[in-house]
Amino acid sequence: MNAIADAPIAPNGLAATFLSEEASLAALADLNAADVGDARLFSPLPPSLPPKRTRLPAVALVFGLFGAAAAFGLQSFANVVAYPLDIGARPPFSWPSFIPIAFEAGILSVVVATVVGAGALCGFTRYYDSVDEIRLLREATIDRWVIVVRAPNSETLARSRDILQRCGARAIEEAEL
């Protein structure tokens, strides 16, 4: 037998339930102030916290500008270098005629970057999370507020447990996350 494979895995996470949103938000603030690791709140109602800022608008802007520049460059190369045509005595580099296609390619790039970026930021690429196996988390969909903490080591796990108990957690469950 392999002793390493048969050794029990120590829990590295906690789940704690609260009966009110105020208590859960206070506990979440204390956990974040103590820097115990990744602490997330699961609730039956949308929390009254301000939304977190993301980089999604900056990503969309960069991809939109890149898409517009790529379309403009492709049209310029095609009409000036690769296949120049003399149509109605217009100059080879007639940039006003390139603007509509460049604009549309920029909009298309923004849409694609936003959809893919939002999916990546929301975790849609992840099919399974071990948080789903926690028994207390099922109560978050009914009438409880649940905080899940992923701790990097056992000392941080013990500190997290102390903070959650001090904040009035109704039940605390250890889990392998």
N, C-alpha and C. Protein backbone atom coordinates (compact mmCIF):
# COMPACT_ATOMS: atom_id res chain seq x y z
N MET A 1 0.82 -1.18 0.00
CA MET A 1 0.00 0.00 0.00
C MET A 1 0.87 1.25 0.00
N ASN A 2 0.36 2.26 -0.61
CA ASN A 2 1.05 3.53 -0.67
C ASN A 2 0.62 4.37 0.52
N ALA A 3 1.55 4.68 1.41
CA ALA A 3 1.22 5.42 2.63
C ALA A 3 0.80 6.85 2.32
N ILE A 4 1.37 7.43 1.28
CA ILE A 4 1.03 8.81 0.94
C ILE A 4 -0.38 8.88 0.38
N ALA A 5 -0.76 7.93 -0.45
CA ALA A 5 -2.09 7.96 -1.05
C ALA A 5 -3.18 7.64 -0.03
N ASP A 6 -2.85 6.82 1.01
CA ASP A 6 -3.84 6.43 2.01
C ASP A 6 -3.97 7.42 3.14
N ALA A 7 -3.08 8.40 3.23
CA ALA A 7 -3.14 9.37 4.33
C ALA A 7 -4.36 10.27 4.16
N PRO A 8 -5.07 10.55 5.26
CA PRO A 8 -6.24 11.43 5.15
C PRO A 8 -5.81 12.85 4.82
N ILE A 9 -6.63 13.50 4.03
CA ILE A 9 -6.36 14.87 3.64
C ILE A 9 -6.92 15.81 4.69
N ALA A 10 -6.09 16.71 5.16
CA ALA A 10 -6.53 17.66 6.19
C ALA A 10 -7.44 18.70 5.55
N PRO A 11 -8.47 19.11 6.27
CA PRO A 11 -9.36 20.14 5.71
C PRO A 11 -8.63 21.46 5.58
N ASN A 12 -8.94 22.18 4.53
CA ASN A 12 -8.34 23.49 4.30
C ASN A 12 -9.39 24.57 4.12
N GLY A 13 -10.61 24.28 4.51
CA GLY A 13 -11.67 25.27 4.36
C GLY A 13 -12.71 25.15 5.45
N LEU A 14 -13.45 26.23 5.62
CA LEU A 14 -14.53 26.29 6.60
C LEU A 14 -15.77 26.84 5.93
N ALA A 15 -16.92 26.38 6.41
CA ALA A 15 -18.20 26.97 6.01
C ALA A 15 -18.95 27.29 7.30
N ALA A 16 -19.49 28.49 7.39
CA ALA A 16 -20.21 28.91 8.59
C ALA A 16 -21.52 29.55 8.18
N THR A 17 -22.60 29.22 8.92
CA THR A 17 -23.91 29.79 8.61
C THR A 17 -24.24 30.89 9.60
N PHE A 18 -25.00 31.87 9.08
CA PHE A 18 -25.48 32.99 9.88
C PHE A 18 -26.96 33.17 9.60
N LEU A 19 -27.68 33.70 10.58
CA LEU A 19 -29.12 33.88 10.43
C LEU A 19 -29.49 35.23 9.82
N SER A 20 -28.56 36.18 9.81
CA SER A 20 -28.89 37.51 9.27
C SER A 20 -27.79 37.99 8.34
N GLU A 21 -28.18 38.87 7.46
CA GLU A 21 -27.22 39.45 6.52
C GLU A 21 -26.22 40.33 7.25
N GLU A 22 -26.67 41.08 8.25
CA GLU A 22 -25.78 41.98 8.98
C GLU A 22 -24.64 41.21 9.67
N ALA A 23 -24.99 40.10 10.32
CA ALA A 23 -23.97 39.29 10.99
C ALA A 23 -22.99 38.70 9.99
N SER A 24 -23.51 38.24 8.86
CA SER A 24 -22.62 37.64 7.86
C SER A 24 -21.70 38.69 7.24
N LEU A 25 -22.21 39.89 7.00
CA LEU A 25 -21.36 40.94 6.43
C LEU A 25 -20.30 41.40 7.43
N ALA A 26 -20.66 41.45 8.72
CA ALA A 26 -19.68 41.81 9.75
C ALA A 26 -18.58 40.74 9.83
N ALA A 27 -18.97 39.47 9.78
CA ALA A 27 -17.99 38.39 9.81
C ALA A 27 -17.09 38.42 8.57
N LEU A 28 -17.69 38.69 7.42
CA LEU A 28 -16.91 38.77 6.18
C LEU A 28 -15.90 39.92 6.25
N ALA A 29 -16.31 41.05 6.81
CA ALA A 29 -15.39 42.18 6.96
C ALA A 29 -14.25 41.83 7.92
N ASP A 30 -14.56 41.13 9.01
CA ASP A 30 -13.52 40.72 9.95
C ASP A 30 -12.55 39.73 9.31
N LEU A 31 -13.07 38.80 8.53
CA LEU A 31 -12.20 37.83 7.85
C LEU A 31 -11.30 38.52 6.83
N ASN A 32 -11.85 39.46 6.09
CA ASN A 32 -11.04 40.18 5.10
C ASN A 32 -9.99 41.05 5.78
N ALA A 33 -10.34 41.64 6.94
CA ALA A 33 -9.37 42.46 7.67
C ALA A 33 -8.24 41.60 8.24
N ALA A 34 -8.55 40.36 8.63
CA ALA A 34 -7.53 39.46 9.18
C ALA A 34 -6.71 38.78 8.08
N ASP A 35 -7.11 38.92 6.83
CA ASP A 35 -6.40 38.35 5.69
C ASP A 35 -6.18 36.84 5.86
N VAL A 36 -7.29 36.13 6.00
CA VAL A 36 -7.22 34.69 6.24
C VAL A 36 -7.27 33.86 4.96
N GLY A 37 -7.45 34.47 3.84
CA GLY A 37 -7.54 33.74 2.58
C GLY A 37 -8.77 34.19 1.81
N ASP A 38 -9.21 33.31 0.93
CA ASP A 38 -10.36 33.61 0.10
C ASP A 38 -11.64 33.36 0.89
N ALA A 39 -12.38 34.41 1.21
CA ALA A 39 -13.65 34.30 1.94
C ALA A 39 -14.77 34.78 1.02
N ARG A 40 -15.77 33.92 0.83
CA ARG A 40 -16.89 34.26 -0.04
C ARG A 40 -18.21 34.10 0.70
N LEU A 41 -19.16 34.96 0.35
CA LEU A 41 -20.47 34.93 0.97
C LEU A 41 -21.48 34.35 -0.01
N PHE A 42 -22.24 33.36 0.45
CA PHE A 42 -23.34 32.78 -0.32
C PHE A 42 -24.62 33.12 0.43
N SER A 43 -25.59 33.68 -0.28
CA SER A 43 -26.79 34.14 0.41
C SER A 43 -28.04 33.84 -0.40
N PRO A 44 -29.20 33.77 0.29
CA PRO A 44 -30.45 33.54 -0.44
C PRO A 44 -30.95 34.78 -1.17
N LEU A 45 -30.43 35.94 -0.80
CA LEU A 45 -30.81 37.22 -1.42
C LEU A 45 -29.55 37.90 -1.92
N PRO A 46 -29.67 38.80 -2.87
CA PRO A 46 -28.49 39.55 -3.30
C PRO A 46 -27.96 40.40 -2.13
N PRO A 47 -26.66 40.33 -1.83
CA PRO A 47 -26.14 41.09 -0.71
C PRO A 47 -26.13 42.59 -1.01
N SER A 48 -26.16 43.37 0.04
CA SER A 48 -26.19 44.82 -0.13
C SER A 48 -24.78 45.40 -0.22
N LEU A 49 -23.82 44.59 -0.62
CA LEU A 49 -22.45 45.06 -0.81
C LEU A 49 -22.32 45.78 -2.14
N PRO A 50 -21.43 46.77 -2.21
CA PRO A 50 -21.18 47.37 -3.53
C PRO A 50 -20.50 46.36 -4.43
N PRO A 51 -20.79 46.37 -5.72
CA PRO A 51 -20.18 45.39 -6.62
C PRO A 51 -18.67 45.60 -6.73
N LYS A 52 -17.95 44.50 -6.92
CA LYS A 52 -16.50 44.58 -7.09
C LYS A 52 -16.17 45.09 -8.49
N ARG A 53 -15.13 45.87 -8.56
CA ARG A 53 -14.69 46.37 -9.87
C ARG A 53 -13.93 45.28 -10.60
N THR A 54 -14.13 45.23 -11.91
CA THR A 54 -13.43 44.24 -12.73
C THR A 54 -12.64 44.95 -13.82
N ARG A 55 -11.85 44.17 -14.52
CA ARG A 55 -11.06 44.70 -15.64
C ARG A 55 -11.77 44.51 -16.97
N LEU A 56 -13.01 44.06 -16.93
CA LEU A 56 -13.73 43.76 -18.15
C LEU A 56 -13.88 44.97 -19.08
N PRO A 57 -14.20 46.18 -18.60
CA PRO A 57 -14.27 47.31 -19.52
C PRO A 57 -12.93 47.62 -20.21
N ALA A 58 -11.83 47.49 -19.47
CA ALA A 58 -10.52 47.74 -20.08
C ALA A 58 -10.19 46.68 -21.13
N VAL A 59 -10.54 45.43 -20.84
CA VAL A 59 -10.32 44.35 -21.82
C VAL A 59 -11.13 44.61 -23.07
N ALA A 60 -12.41 45.00 -22.90
CA ALA A 60 -13.26 45.28 -24.06
C ALA A 60 -12.71 46.45 -24.87
N LEU A 61 -12.22 47.48 -24.20
CA LEU A 61 -11.65 48.63 -24.92
C LEU A 61 -10.42 48.22 -25.72
N VAL A 62 -9.53 47.47 -25.11
CA VAL A 62 -8.30 47.06 -25.80
C VAL A 62 -8.63 46.20 -27.02
N PHE A 63 -9.53 45.22 -26.84
CA PHE A 63 -9.89 44.36 -27.97
C PHE A 63 -10.64 45.14 -29.05
N GLY A 64 -11.47 46.10 -28.66
CA GLY A 64 -12.18 46.91 -29.64
C GLY A 64 -11.23 47.76 -30.47
N LEU A 65 -10.28 48.40 -29.80
CA LEU A 65 -9.30 49.20 -30.54
C LEU A 65 -8.42 48.32 -31.43
N PHE A 66 -8.05 47.15 -30.91
CA PHE A 66 -7.24 46.24 -31.71
C PHE A 66 -8.02 45.76 -32.94
N GLY A 67 -9.29 45.41 -32.76
CA GLY A 67 -10.11 44.96 -33.89
C GLY A 67 -10.29 46.04 -34.95
N ALA A 68 -10.54 47.28 -34.49
CA ALA A 68 -10.69 48.39 -35.44
C ALA A 68 -9.38 48.66 -36.17
N ALA A 69 -8.28 48.65 -35.44
CA ALA A 69 -6.97 48.90 -36.07
C ALA A 69 -6.62 47.79 -37.05
N ALA A 70 -6.94 46.54 -36.68
CA ALA A 70 -6.64 45.42 -37.58
C ALA A 70 -7.46 45.51 -38.87
N ALA A 71 -8.73 45.86 -38.76
CA ALA A 71 -9.57 45.99 -39.96
C ALA A 71 -9.10 47.15 -40.83
N PHE A 72 -8.75 48.27 -40.19
CA PHE A 72 -8.26 49.42 -40.95
C PHE A 72 -6.94 49.07 -41.65
N GLY A 73 -6.05 48.38 -40.92
CA GLY A 73 -4.77 47.98 -41.52
C GLY A 73 -4.94 46.99 -42.65
N LEU A 74 -5.86 46.05 -42.49
CA LEU A 74 -6.10 45.07 -43.55
C LEU A 74 -6.64 45.73 -44.81
N GLN A 75 -7.57 46.66 -44.65
CA GLN A 75 -8.11 47.37 -45.82
C GLN A 75 -7.04 48.23 -46.48
N SER A 76 -6.23 48.88 -45.65
CA SER A 76 -5.15 49.72 -46.20
C SER A 76 -4.16 48.86 -46.98
N PHE A 77 -3.77 47.74 -46.42
CA PHE A 77 -2.83 46.86 -47.12
C PHE A 77 -3.43 46.34 -48.41
N ALA A 78 -4.69 45.91 -48.38
CA ALA A 78 -5.32 45.34 -49.57
C ALA A 78 -5.47 46.38 -50.67
N ASN A 79 -5.89 47.60 -50.33
CA ASN A 79 -6.16 48.61 -51.35
C ASN A 79 -4.92 49.37 -51.80
N VAL A 80 -3.88 49.44 -50.99
CA VAL A 80 -2.70 50.23 -51.35
C VAL A 80 -1.57 49.33 -51.85
N VAL A 81 -1.33 48.21 -51.19
CA VAL A 81 -0.16 47.40 -51.51
C VAL A 81 -0.51 46.17 -52.34
N ALA A 82 -1.40 45.36 -51.87
CA ALA A 82 -1.64 44.05 -52.47
C ALA A 82 -2.42 44.11 -53.77
N TYR A 83 -3.45 44.94 -53.85
CA TYR A 83 -4.31 44.95 -55.02
C TYR A 83 -4.81 46.37 -55.30
N PRO A 84 -3.92 47.27 -55.69
CA PRO A 84 -4.35 48.66 -55.93
C PRO A 84 -5.17 48.77 -57.22
N LEU A 85 -6.31 49.44 -57.13
CA LEU A 85 -7.16 49.69 -58.29
C LEU A 85 -7.40 51.19 -58.41
N ASP A 86 -7.42 51.64 -59.63
CA ASP A 86 -7.73 53.05 -59.88
C ASP A 86 -9.22 53.13 -60.19
N ILE A 87 -10.00 53.51 -59.18
CA ILE A 87 -11.46 53.59 -59.33
C ILE A 87 -11.87 55.04 -59.23
N GLY A 88 -12.32 55.59 -60.31
CA GLY A 88 -12.82 56.96 -60.32
C GLY A 88 -11.77 57.99 -59.97
N ALA A 89 -10.53 57.73 -60.23
CA ALA A 89 -9.42 58.65 -60.00
C ALA A 89 -9.25 58.99 -58.53
N ARG A 90 -9.64 58.10 -57.66
CA ARG A 90 -9.44 58.36 -56.23
C ARG A 90 -8.04 57.90 -55.87
N PRO A 91 -7.48 58.45 -54.80
CA PRO A 91 -6.12 58.05 -54.40
C PRO A 91 -6.13 56.61 -53.86
N PRO A 92 -4.99 55.92 -53.91
CA PRO A 92 -4.94 54.55 -53.43
C PRO A 92 -5.29 54.43 -51.93
N PHE A 93 -4.84 55.42 -51.14
CA PHE A 93 -5.14 55.40 -49.71
C PHE A 93 -6.29 56.37 -49.43
N SER A 94 -7.48 55.91 -49.67
CA SER A 94 -8.68 56.71 -49.43
C SER A 94 -9.27 56.28 -48.09
N TRP A 95 -8.72 56.80 -47.00
CA TRP A 95 -9.05 56.33 -45.66
C TRP A 95 -10.50 56.55 -45.23
N PRO A 96 -11.24 57.56 -45.71
CA PRO A 96 -12.63 57.68 -45.26
C PRO A 96 -13.49 56.46 -45.63
N SER A 97 -13.15 55.78 -46.71
CA SER A 97 -13.94 54.61 -47.08
C SER A 97 -13.61 53.39 -46.21
N PHE A 98 -12.52 53.45 -45.43
CA PHE A 98 -12.15 52.35 -44.56
C PHE A 98 -12.82 52.44 -43.18
N ILE A 99 -13.37 53.58 -42.83
CA ILE A 99 -13.90 53.82 -41.48
C ILE A 99 -15.10 52.92 -41.14
N PRO A 100 -16.12 52.78 -41.99
CA PRO A 100 -17.27 51.96 -41.58
C PRO A 100 -16.91 50.51 -41.26
N ILE A 101 -16.07 49.89 -42.08
CA ILE A 101 -15.70 48.51 -41.83
C ILE A 101 -14.84 48.41 -40.57
N ALA A 102 -13.94 49.37 -40.36
CA ALA A 102 -13.11 49.36 -39.15
C ALA A 102 -13.99 49.53 -37.90
N PHE A 103 -15.00 50.39 -37.98
CA PHE A 103 -15.92 50.59 -36.85
C PHE A 103 -16.68 49.29 -36.54
N GLU A 104 -17.21 48.66 -37.56
CA GLU A 104 -17.97 47.42 -37.35
C GLU A 104 -17.08 46.30 -36.81
N ALA A 105 -15.85 46.20 -37.28
CA ALA A 105 -14.94 45.18 -36.76
C ALA A 105 -14.58 45.47 -35.31
N GLY A 106 -14.46 46.75 -34.96
CA GLY A 106 -14.21 47.12 -33.57
C GLY A 106 -15.36 46.74 -32.67
N ILE A 107 -16.59 46.99 -33.11
CA ILE A 107 -17.78 46.61 -32.33
C ILE A 107 -17.86 45.10 -32.17
N LEU A 108 -17.60 44.36 -33.24
CA LEU A 108 -17.60 42.90 -33.16
C LEU A 108 -16.55 42.41 -32.17
N SER A 109 -15.38 43.01 -32.17
CA SER A 109 -14.32 42.61 -31.24
C SER A 109 -14.72 42.90 -29.80
N VAL A 110 -15.38 44.03 -29.55
CA VAL A 110 -15.84 44.37 -28.20
C VAL A 110 -16.86 43.34 -27.71
N VAL A 111 -17.79 42.98 -28.57
CA VAL A 111 -18.83 42.02 -28.18
C VAL A 111 -18.21 40.66 -27.86
N VAL A 112 -17.34 40.19 -28.71
CA VAL A 112 -16.72 38.88 -28.48
C VAL A 112 -15.86 38.91 -27.21
N ALA A 113 -15.08 39.97 -27.02
CA ALA A 113 -14.23 40.07 -25.83
C ALA A 113 -15.07 40.16 -24.56
N THR A 114 -16.20 40.86 -24.61
CA THR A 114 -17.05 40.99 -23.44
C THR A 114 -17.70 39.67 -23.07
N VAL A 115 -18.21 38.95 -24.05
CA VAL A 115 -18.86 37.67 -23.76
C VAL A 115 -17.85 36.65 -23.23
N VAL A 116 -16.71 36.54 -23.88
CA VAL A 116 -15.70 35.58 -23.45
C VAL A 116 -15.10 36.01 -22.11
N GLY A 117 -14.82 37.30 -21.95
CA GLY A 117 -14.25 37.80 -20.69
C GLY A 117 -15.19 37.66 -19.52
N ALA A 118 -16.47 37.95 -19.71
CA ALA A 118 -17.44 37.79 -18.63
C ALA A 118 -17.57 36.32 -18.23
N GLY A 119 -17.56 35.44 -19.21
CA GLY A 119 -17.61 34.02 -18.90
C GLY A 119 -16.39 33.56 -18.13
N ALA A 120 -15.23 34.05 -18.50
CA ALA A 120 -14.00 33.66 -17.79
C ALA A 120 -13.98 34.24 -16.38
N LEU A 121 -14.40 35.49 -16.20
CA LEU A 121 -14.39 36.10 -14.87
C LEU A 121 -15.43 35.49 -13.94
N CYS A 122 -16.54 35.03 -14.48
CA CYS A 122 -17.59 34.43 -13.65
C CYS A 122 -17.33 32.96 -13.37
N GLY A 123 -16.34 32.38 -13.97
CA GLY A 123 -16.01 30.99 -13.71
C GLY A 123 -16.82 30.00 -14.52
N PHE A 124 -17.33 30.40 -15.68
CA PHE A 124 -18.11 29.48 -16.49
C PHE A 124 -17.26 28.39 -17.12
N THR A 125 -15.94 28.56 -17.10
CA THR A 125 -15.07 27.54 -17.66
C THR A 125 -14.80 26.42 -16.65
N ARG A 126 -15.19 26.63 -15.40
CA ARG A 126 -14.99 25.64 -14.35
C ARG A 126 -16.27 24.82 -14.20
N TYR A 127 -16.17 23.53 -14.38
CA TYR A 127 -17.35 22.67 -14.33
C TYR A 127 -17.66 22.18 -12.92
N TYR A 128 -16.66 22.11 -12.06
CA TYR A 128 -16.87 21.55 -10.73
C TYR A 128 -16.09 22.38 -9.73
N ASP A 129 -16.71 22.63 -8.59
CA ASP A 129 -16.04 23.29 -7.48
C ASP A 129 -16.34 22.49 -6.23
N SER A 130 -15.34 22.22 -5.43
CA SER A 130 -15.53 21.41 -4.23
C SER A 130 -16.43 22.09 -3.21
N VAL A 131 -16.68 23.38 -3.35
CA VAL A 131 -17.59 24.09 -2.46
C VAL A 131 -19.00 23.49 -2.56
N ASP A 132 -19.35 22.96 -3.71
CA ASP A 132 -20.69 22.40 -3.90
C ASP A 132 -20.95 21.17 -3.02
N GLU A 133 -19.91 20.55 -2.48
CA GLU A 133 -20.07 19.36 -1.65
C GLU A 133 -20.34 19.69 -0.18
N ILE A 134 -20.25 20.96 0.21
CA ILE A 134 -20.45 21.34 1.61
C ILE A 134 -21.94 21.27 1.95
N ARG A 135 -22.24 20.56 3.03
CA ARG A 135 -23.64 20.37 3.44
C ARG A 135 -24.30 21.69 3.83
N LEU A 136 -23.57 22.55 4.53
CA LEU A 136 -24.16 23.82 4.99
C LEU A 136 -24.50 24.76 3.83
N LEU A 137 -23.86 24.57 2.70
CA LEU A 137 -24.10 25.46 1.57
C LEU A 137 -25.50 25.28 0.99
N ARG A 138 -26.10 24.14 1.19
CA ARG A 138 -27.46 23.93 0.71
C ARG A 138 -28.44 24.87 1.40
N GLU A 139 -28.14 25.26 2.65
CA GLU A 139 -29.01 26.17 3.39
C GLU A 139 -28.94 27.59 2.87
N ALA A 140 -27.90 27.91 2.11
CA ALA A 140 -27.78 29.27 1.58
C ALA A 140 -28.86 29.56 0.56
N THR A 141 -29.41 28.54 -0.05
CA THR A 141 -30.47 28.77 -1.03
C THR A 141 -31.84 28.87 -0.39
N ILE A 142 -31.93 28.59 0.91
CA ILE A 142 -33.22 28.61 1.58
C ILE A 142 -33.36 29.84 2.46
N ASP A 143 -32.63 29.86 3.58
CA ASP A 143 -32.83 30.96 4.52
C ASP A 143 -31.59 31.31 5.33
N ARG A 144 -30.42 30.92 4.91
CA ARG A 144 -29.21 31.19 5.68
C ARG A 144 -28.19 31.93 4.81
N TRP A 145 -27.30 32.62 5.48
CA TRP A 145 -26.15 33.24 4.85
C TRP A 145 -24.95 32.39 5.21
N VAL A 146 -24.18 31.98 4.23
CA VAL A 146 -23.06 31.06 4.45
C VAL A 146 -21.78 31.73 3.96
N ILE A 147 -20.77 31.69 4.80
CA ILE A 147 -19.44 32.18 4.43
C ILE A 147 -18.53 30.96 4.28
N VAL A 148 -17.85 30.89 3.14
CA VAL A 148 -16.90 29.81 2.87
C VAL A 148 -15.51 30.42 2.82
N VAL A 149 -14.60 29.86 3.60
CA VAL A 149 -13.22 30.35 3.68
C VAL A 149 -12.29 29.27 3.19
N ARG A 150 -11.43 29.62 2.23
CA ARG A 150 -10.36 28.71 1.79
C ARG A 150 -9.07 29.22 2.42
N ALA A 151 -8.54 28.45 3.34
CA ALA A 151 -7.36 28.86 4.09
C ALA A 151 -6.10 28.20 3.53
N PRO A 152 -4.99 28.93 3.48
CA PRO A 152 -3.76 28.34 2.93
C PRO A 152 -3.06 27.37 3.87
N ASN A 153 -3.29 27.48 5.20
CA ASN A 153 -2.62 26.57 6.14
C ASN A 153 -3.50 26.38 7.38
N SER A 154 -3.07 25.49 8.27
CA SER A 154 -3.89 25.15 9.44
C SER A 154 -3.96 26.28 10.45
N GLU A 155 -2.92 27.09 10.55
CA GLU A 155 -2.95 28.23 11.48
C GLU A 155 -4.01 29.24 11.04
N THR A 156 -4.06 29.51 9.77
CA THR A 156 -5.06 30.44 9.24
C THR A 156 -6.45 29.85 9.38
N LEU A 157 -6.57 28.55 9.23
CA LEU A 157 -7.86 27.89 9.41
C LEU A 157 -8.37 28.04 10.85
N ALA A 158 -7.47 27.88 11.81
CA ALA A 158 -7.86 28.05 13.23
C ALA A 158 -8.23 29.50 13.51
N ARG A 159 -7.48 30.43 12.95
CA ARG A 159 -7.81 31.86 13.14
C ARG A 159 -9.16 32.18 12.53
N SER A 160 -9.46 31.60 11.37
CA SER A 160 -10.75 31.82 10.72
C SER A 160 -11.89 31.27 11.58
N ARG A 161 -11.68 30.10 12.15
CA ARG A 161 -12.69 29.50 13.02
C ARG A 161 -12.97 30.41 14.23
N ASP A 162 -11.90 30.95 14.83
CA ASP A 162 -12.08 31.84 15.97
C ASP A 162 -12.87 33.09 15.59
N ILE A 163 -12.57 33.66 14.44
CA ILE A 163 -13.28 34.86 13.99
C ILE A 163 -14.75 34.54 13.75
N LEU A 164 -15.02 33.42 13.10
CA LEU A 164 -16.41 33.05 12.81
C LEU A 164 -17.19 32.76 14.09
N GLN A 165 -16.57 32.11 15.07
CA GLN A 165 -17.25 31.86 16.33
C GLN A 165 -17.52 33.16 17.09
N ARG A 166 -16.55 34.06 17.07
CA ARG A 166 -16.70 35.35 17.74
C ARG A 166 -17.82 36.18 17.11
N CYS A 167 -18.03 36.02 15.80
CA CYS A 167 -19.06 36.79 15.10
C CYS A 167 -20.45 36.15 15.21
N GLY A 168 -20.56 35.00 15.87
CA GLY A 168 -21.87 34.41 16.11
C GLY A 168 -22.34 33.44 15.05
N ALA A 169 -21.44 32.66 14.50
CA ALA A 169 -21.84 31.66 13.50
C ALA A 169 -22.71 30.59 14.17
N ARG A 170 -23.79 30.21 13.50
CA ARG A 170 -24.69 29.18 14.05
C ARG A 170 -24.10 27.79 13.94
N ALA A 171 -23.45 27.50 12.83
CA ALA A 171 -22.82 26.19 12.62
C ALA A 171 -21.57 26.40 11.79
N ILE A 172 -20.54 25.61 12.08
CA ILE A 172 -19.28 25.68 11.34
C ILE A 172 -18.93 24.27 10.90
N GLU A 173 -18.58 24.14 9.62
CA GLU A 173 -18.23 22.84 9.06
C GLU A 173 -16.87 22.93 8.38
N GLU A 174 -16.00 21.97 8.65
CA GLU A 174 -14.71 21.90 7.97
C GLU A 174 -14.88 21.15 6.67
N ALA A 175 -14.11 21.54 5.67
CA ALA A 175 -14.24 20.91 4.35
C ALA A 175 -12.90 20.89 3.64
N GLU A 176 -12.77 19.98 2.69
CA GLU A 176 -11.59 19.93 1.82
C GLU A 176 -11.91 20.72 0.57
N LEU A 177 -11.29 21.87 0.42
CA LEU A 177 -11.59 22.73 -0.74
C LEU A 177 -10.42 22.81 -1.68
